[in-house]
């Protein structure tokens, strides 16, 4: 996640993605990521669906007494 407080931050953040990866580097990243399973579906849906194993990571109804 990227945040900005002023215009200098915008310029700095824009430079973060100012690089190119080779096809070999991209393949190494894809291979690494493929080793770890990822949940199917939208994160917000997974976190808010009653009975979902991912719901426990959410703090719900914090304003209730």
Protein backbone atom coordinates (compact mmCIF):
# COMPACT_ATOMS: atom_id res chain seq x y z
CA UNK A 1 0.00 0.00 0.00
CA UNK A 2 1.19 3.43 -0.87
CA UNK A 3 0.18 6.66 0.80
CA UNK A 4 0.90 10.30 0.06
CA UNK A 5 0.95 13.35 2.31
CA UNK A 6 2.23 15.84 -0.25
CA UNK A 7 3.23 16.17 -3.91
CA UNK A 8 6.79 15.02 -3.21
CA UNK A 9 5.41 11.70 -2.01
CA UNK A 10 3.43 11.33 -5.24
CA UNK A 11 6.60 11.73 -7.29
CA UNK A 12 8.54 9.32 -5.06
CA UNK A 13 5.78 6.74 -5.22
CA UNK A 14 5.57 7.00 -9.01
CA UNK A 15 9.25 6.05 -9.22
CA UNK A 16 8.62 2.83 -7.30
CA UNK A 17 7.35 1.09 -10.44
CA UNK A 18 9.94 2.61 -12.77
CA UNK A 19 11.77 -0.61 -13.59
CA UNK A 20 11.41 -3.53 -15.98
CA UNK A 21 11.76 -7.20 -15.14
CA UNK A 22 13.21 -9.69 -17.57
CA UNK A 23 11.11 -12.67 -18.63
CA UNK A 24 13.41 -14.87 -16.52
CA UNK A 25 12.80 -12.72 -13.43
CA UNK A 26 9.04 -12.81 -14.03
CA UNK A 27 9.14 -16.59 -14.36
CA UNK A 28 11.09 -16.91 -11.09
CA UNK A 29 8.42 -14.80 -9.36
CA UNK A 30 5.60 -16.88 -10.90
CA UNK A 31 7.31 -20.11 -9.82
CA UNK A 32 7.73 -18.83 -6.27
CA UNK A 33 4.11 -17.65 -6.01
CA UNK A 34 2.77 -20.92 -7.44
CA UNK A 35 4.21 -22.79 -4.44
CA UNK A 36 1.69 -21.18 -2.11
CA UNK A 37 -2.05 -21.71 -2.42
CA UNK A 38 -4.29 -18.67 -2.52
CA UNK A 39 -7.96 -18.50 -1.63
CA UNK A 40 -10.48 -18.30 -4.46
CA UNK A 41 -12.75 -15.26 -4.45
CA UNK A 42 -12.82 -11.63 -3.49
CA UNK A 43 -11.08 -10.85 -0.16
CA UNK A 44 -13.96 -8.76 1.21
CA UNK A 45 -16.44 -11.55 0.44
CA UNK A 46 -14.23 -14.19 2.05
CA UNK A 47 -13.76 -12.08 5.18
CA UNK A 48 -17.44 -11.26 5.62
CA UNK A 49 -19.15 -14.56 4.75
CA UNK A 50 -20.53 -16.25 7.89
CA UNK A 51 -18.83 -19.62 8.34
CA UNK A 52 -15.85 -18.66 6.17
CA UNK A 53 -12.50 -19.72 7.60
CA UNK A 54 -11.22 -16.23 6.74
CA UNK A 55 -13.88 -14.41 8.79
CA UNK A 56 -11.87 -14.79 12.03
CA UNK A 57 -9.31 -12.26 10.78
CA UNK A 58 -11.96 -9.51 10.82
CA UNK A 59 -12.88 -7.53 13.91
CA UNK A 60 -16.66 -7.15 13.68
CA UNK A 61 -19.08 -4.86 15.51
CA UNK A 62 -16.44 -3.04 17.54
CA UNK A 63 -18.87 -0.21 18.35
CA UNK A 64 -21.32 -2.45 20.19
CA UNK A 65 -21.16 -2.36 23.98
